[in-house]
Amino acid sequence: NTFQYCTNLASVEIPSGITQFYGTFRNSGVRTVTLTGTAQADFYGSSGTSVARAWTDGTTGITIRYPSTGTAPTRTGTSFTATVQQYMVAGATFTSGDFTYTVNAGSSTVTLTAIAAASLSGDITVPNSVTYSATTYTVTHLGDAFKNQGAKTSGITSITLPNTVTNFTGTGTFQNCTGLTSIHLPSALTAGYEANQLTNTFQGCSNLASVEIPSGITKFYGTFRNSAVRTVTLKSTSQADFY
């Protein structure tokens, strides 16, 4: 009966030590319950008298969320209607469209970590957000998805990255994307493995002639080795260093 009559309380996050709910949300406004534990939780829907049921009889629009590392909750009885949804925890991976993503710490952003499609070609646009299991994640990091992928990426001619991406997590992010002729780097980009630096990013991009660099990048370390890049346009007013 913990939140009984809390009529303005819409959602509750439940710590891992709690797995049983007995009259917990009766006559309340709670419609979203997020479980953080991995053990199976039980929501009573017909145990004992009506006051024992997790929600008031006939309540609808309930969503019970549980972590991808856990077990789906159960419900005894049918006195209320609930949708059970799995959400992804930090480190969990999922595929959406052409790409595979890994959930970052905090569970609201993701890193694009791999290409799920058999191959990509033409103009490629990376989305700024993806939705999986009814949860929307912002794409903020780019891993090694395009690095040294051979025929899988050789047909790509252009790549547009969303302005939500702030970090490249490795070195040689687009290494040996041999068909690439143009790329849009996000204005929010501030790190390519190291802060303010692009490291081996376009190495081996034999058809990429020019790149516009966002203002957060001022250091270049092996960035254009064995590439066709001959024009680099800097957006930053700070002094840039080319090693």
Protein backbone atom coordinates (compact mmCIF):
# COMPACT_ATOMS: atom_id res chain seq x y z
CA ASN A 1 0.00 0.00 0.00
CA THR A 2 3.07 2.22 -0.27
CA PHE A 3 1.78 4.79 -2.77
CA GLN A 4 -1.95 4.44 -2.15
CA TYR A 5 -3.80 7.73 -2.89
CA CYS A 6 -0.68 9.42 -4.36
CA THR A 7 -2.88 10.76 -7.12
CA ASN A 8 -0.23 12.98 -8.77
CA LEU A 9 2.57 10.44 -8.76
CA ALA A 10 2.86 9.12 -12.33
CA SER A 11 5.98 6.94 -12.29
CA VAL A 12 8.21 5.10 -9.84
CA GLU A 13 11.66 3.50 -10.17
CA ILE A 14 11.95 0.44 -7.92
CA PRO A 15 15.29 -0.58 -6.33
CA SER A 16 16.56 -4.11 -6.83
CA GLY A 17 15.67 -5.27 -3.34
CA ILE A 18 11.92 -5.00 -3.97
CA THR A 19 10.22 -7.74 -6.01
CA GLN A 20 6.66 -8.02 -4.61
CA PHE A 21 3.83 -5.52 -4.91
CA TYR A 22 0.77 -5.80 -2.72
CA GLY A 23 -1.76 -2.96 -2.90
CA THR A 24 1.24 -0.77 -3.76
CA PHE A 25 -0.35 1.59 -6.30
CA ARG A 26 -4.04 1.44 -5.39
CA ASN A 27 -5.96 4.67 -6.11
CA SER A 28 -2.72 6.37 -7.21
CA GLY A 29 -1.70 8.08 -10.42
CA VAL A 30 1.19 5.65 -11.02
CA ARG A 31 1.10 4.19 -14.51
CA THR A 32 4.81 3.52 -15.15
CA VAL A 33 6.89 1.28 -12.90
CA THR A 34 10.57 0.74 -13.75
CA LEU A 35 12.22 -2.27 -12.12
CA THR A 36 16.00 -2.07 -11.68
CA GLY A 37 16.57 -5.56 -10.26
CA THR A 38 17.17 -8.69 -12.32
CA ALA A 39 15.05 -11.02 -10.17
CA GLN A 40 11.51 -11.81 -11.28
CA ALA A 41 8.97 -9.44 -9.72
CA ASP A 42 5.35 -10.31 -8.84
CA PHE A 43 2.45 -7.88 -9.11
CA TYR A 44 -0.64 -9.17 -7.34
CA GLY A 45 -3.84 -8.91 -9.32
CA SER A 46 -6.15 -11.27 -7.46
CA SER A 47 -4.47 -12.24 -4.22
CA GLY A 48 -6.80 -12.02 -1.22
CA THR A 49 -9.25 -9.12 -1.14
CA SER A 50 -9.37 -6.30 -3.67
CA VAL A 51 -7.29 -4.02 -1.42
CA ALA A 52 -4.37 -6.44 -1.80
CA ARG A 53 -4.13 -5.99 -5.56
CA ALA A 54 -1.22 -3.90 -6.87
CA TRP A 55 -3.58 -1.51 -8.69
CA THR A 56 -7.25 -0.71 -8.21
CA ASP A 57 -9.50 -3.13 -10.09
CA GLY A 58 -9.99 -2.07 -13.71
CA THR A 59 -6.93 0.21 -13.95
CA THR A 60 -5.54 0.42 -17.49
CA GLY A 61 -2.61 2.10 -19.24
CA ILE A 62 0.01 0.61 -16.92
CA THR A 63 3.56 0.03 -18.16
CA ILE A 64 5.95 -2.20 -16.20
CA ARG A 65 9.55 -1.90 -17.40
CA TYR A 66 12.32 -4.37 -16.55
CA PRO A 67 16.06 -4.47 -17.44
CA SER A 68 17.44 -6.46 -20.35
CA THR A 69 19.59 -8.42 -17.89
CA GLY A 70 16.55 -9.44 -15.84
CA THR A 71 13.49 -11.69 -15.94
CA ALA A 72 10.09 -10.49 -17.10
CA PRO A 73 7.73 -9.81 -14.19
CA THR A 74 4.61 -11.87 -13.54
CA ARG A 75 1.10 -10.85 -12.56
CA THR A 76 -1.29 -12.94 -10.53
CA GLY A 77 -4.86 -12.45 -11.73
CA THR A 78 -6.41 -10.05 -14.21
CA SER A 79 -7.85 -7.18 -12.20
CA PHE A 80 -5.69 -4.55 -13.97
CA THR A 81 -4.25 -4.17 -17.49
CA ALA A 82 -0.48 -3.73 -17.92
CA THR A 83 2.06 -3.74 -20.74
CA VAL A 84 5.46 -5.25 -19.93
CA GLN A 85 8.46 -3.67 -21.66
CA GLN A 86 12.15 -4.55 -21.58
CA TYR A 87 14.64 -1.70 -21.43
CA MET A 88 18.34 -1.85 -22.20
CA VAL A 89 20.96 -1.37 -19.49
CA ALA A 90 24.43 0.11 -19.96
CA GLY A 91 26.57 -2.22 -22.09
CA ALA A 92 23.60 -3.98 -23.68
CA THR A 93 23.47 -4.06 -27.51
CA PHE A 94 20.62 -3.98 -29.98
CA THR A 95 20.12 -3.61 -33.72
CA SER A 96 17.99 -0.93 -35.34
CA GLY A 97 17.95 -0.48 -39.10
CA ASP A 98 21.40 -0.87 -40.65
CA PHE A 99 23.37 -0.51 -37.41
CA THR A 100 24.07 -2.10 -34.04
CA TYR A 101 24.21 0.09 -30.94
CA THR A 102 25.57 -0.25 -27.41
CA VAL A 103 23.84 1.55 -24.55
CA ASN A 104 26.09 4.04 -22.73
CA ALA A 105 26.23 4.64 -18.98
CA GLY A 106 23.08 6.44 -17.91
CA SER A 107 21.02 4.40 -20.38
CA SER A 108 19.71 7.35 -22.41
CA THR A 109 22.44 7.50 -25.08
CA VAL A 110 24.13 4.95 -27.34
CA THR A 111 27.30 4.30 -29.29
CA LEU A 112 26.99 3.11 -32.89
CA THR A 113 29.29 0.10 -32.73
CA ALA A 114 28.75 -2.00 -35.85
CA ILE A 115 27.10 -2.26 -39.26
CA ALA A 116 24.30 -4.81 -39.12
CA ALA A 117 23.51 -4.70 -42.83
CA ALA A 118 25.30 -7.08 -45.19
CA SER A 119 26.77 -4.02 -46.93
CA LEU A 120 26.16 -0.30 -47.35
CA SER A 121 26.40 1.83 -50.47
CA GLY A 122 25.67 5.32 -51.74
CA ASP A 123 24.77 8.15 -49.36
CA ILE A 124 24.58 7.02 -45.74
CA THR A 125 22.89 9.04 -42.99
CA VAL A 126 23.35 8.01 -39.38
CA PRO A 127 20.20 8.74 -37.32
CA ASN A 128 20.35 11.13 -34.36
CA SER A 129 18.19 8.80 -32.26
CA VAL A 130 16.92 5.23 -32.30
CA THR A 131 14.00 3.57 -30.55
CA TYR A 132 14.15 0.07 -29.17
CA SER A 133 11.61 -1.65 -26.92
CA ALA A 134 9.62 1.60 -26.63
CA THR A 135 12.67 3.57 -25.38
CA THR A 136 14.35 6.27 -27.47
CA TYR A 137 18.13 6.68 -27.25
CA THR A 138 20.24 9.58 -28.55
CA VAL A 139 23.23 8.59 -30.72
CA THR A 140 26.20 10.40 -29.14
CA HIS A 141 29.21 8.21 -29.90
CA LEU A 142 30.61 6.49 -32.99
CA GLY A 143 32.77 3.41 -32.59
CA ASP A 144 34.65 1.37 -35.18
CA ALA A 145 31.63 0.49 -37.30
CA PHE A 146 33.12 1.89 -40.53
CA LYS A 147 36.77 0.99 -39.86
CA ASN A 148 38.45 -1.56 -42.15
CA GLN A 149 35.19 -3.17 -43.24
CA GLY A 150 36.31 -3.93 -46.78
CA ALA A 151 33.50 -4.67 -49.24
CA LYS A 152 30.95 -3.92 -46.54
CA THR A 153 31.69 -0.19 -46.83
CA SER A 154 33.56 0.18 -50.13
CA GLY A 155 30.35 1.24 -51.91
CA ILE A 156 29.69 4.16 -49.54
CA THR A 157 30.16 7.50 -51.30
CA SER A 158 29.06 9.90 -48.54
CA ILE A 159 28.38 9.79 -44.82
CA THR A 160 26.31 12.30 -42.85
CA LEU A 161 26.65 12.15 -39.09
CA PRO A 162 24.04 13.81 -36.83
CA ASN A 163 25.02 16.80 -34.70
CA THR A 164 24.25 14.75 -31.60
CA VAL A 165 27.52 12.82 -32.02
CA THR A 166 30.22 14.25 -29.76
CA ASN A 167 32.83 11.47 -29.71
CA PHE A 168 34.62 9.00 -31.92
CA THR A 169 35.58 6.26 -29.48
CA GLY A 170 38.53 4.74 -31.31
CA THR A 171 41.24 5.54 -33.81
CA GLY A 172 40.90 5.29 -37.60
CA THR A 173 37.12 5.77 -37.47
CA PHE A 174 36.73 5.77 -41.27
CA GLN A 175 39.98 4.01 -42.10
CA ASN A 176 40.00 2.46 -45.60
CA CYS A 177 36.52 3.64 -46.58
CA THR A 178 37.88 3.68 -50.11
CA GLY A 179 34.70 4.78 -51.90
CA LEU A 180 34.03 7.76 -49.62
CA THR A 181 34.06 11.08 -51.48
CA SER A 182 32.36 13.37 -48.92
CA ILE A 183 31.53 13.43 -45.23
CA HIS A 184 29.60 15.67 -42.86
CA LEU A 185 31.20 15.76 -39.41
CA PRO A 186 28.91 16.81 -36.55
CA SER A 187 29.29 20.34 -35.20
CA ALA A 188 29.28 18.95 -31.64
CA LEU A 189 32.29 16.67 -32.22
CA THR A 190 34.95 17.29 -29.58
CA ALA A 191 36.90 14.03 -29.40
CA GLY A 192 38.27 11.43 -31.76
CA TYR A 193 39.66 8.92 -29.27
CA GLU A 194 41.42 11.80 -27.48
CA ALA A 195 40.00 15.21 -26.59
CA ASN A 196 40.04 17.74 -29.44
CA GLN A 197 41.96 15.31 -31.65
CA LEU A 198 41.28 13.17 -34.71
CA THR A 199 43.59 10.15 -34.76
CA ASN A 200 44.10 8.21 -38.04
CA THR A 201 40.48 9.07 -38.78
CA PHE A 202 40.61 9.15 -42.60
CA GLN A 203 43.66 6.98 -43.18
CA GLY A 204 43.38 5.13 -46.50
CA CYS A 205 40.31 7.08 -47.71
CA SER A 206 41.64 7.17 -51.25
CA ASN A 207 38.76 9.12 -52.81
CA LEU A 208 38.11 11.71 -50.08
CA ALA A 209 39.54 15.03 -51.29
CA SER A 210 38.34 17.55 -48.69
CA VAL A 211 37.05 17.67 -45.11
CA GLU A 212 35.44 20.42 -43.03
CA ILE A 213 36.49 20.17 -39.39
CA PRO A 214 34.13 21.26 -36.57
CA SER A 215 35.32 23.84 -34.05
CA GLY A 216 35.87 21.32 -31.25
CA ILE A 217 38.73 19.61 -33.11
CA THR A 218 42.14 21.30 -33.17
CA LYS A 219 44.66 18.44 -33.23
CA PHE A 220 45.48 16.04 -36.05
CA TYR A 221 47.51 12.89 -35.55
CA GLY A 222 47.90 10.58 -38.54
CA THR A 223 44.47 11.88 -39.55
CA PHE A 224 44.92 11.93 -43.33
CA ARG A 225 47.68 9.38 -43.88
CA ASN A 226 47.46 7.60 -47.25
CA SER A 227 44.27 9.47 -48.09
CA ALA A 228 43.35 11.76 -50.98
CA VAL A 229 42.55 14.67 -48.64
CA ARG A 230 44.24 17.86 -49.85
CA THR A 231 41.85 20.50 -48.51
CA VAL A 232 41.05 20.84 -44.80
CA THR A 233 38.71 23.62 -43.68
CA LEU A 234 38.91 24.50 -39.97
CA LYS A 235 35.88 25.96 -38.20
CA SER A 236 37.67 26.69 -34.93
CA THR A 237 39.20 30.09 -34.16
CA SER A 238 41.81 28.41 -31.95
CA GLN A 239 45.21 27.45 -33.28
CA ALA A 240 45.27 23.99 -34.83
CA ASP A 241 48.19 21.58 -34.71
CA PHE A 242 49.00 19.15 -37.51
CA TYR A 243 51.58 16.65 -36.34
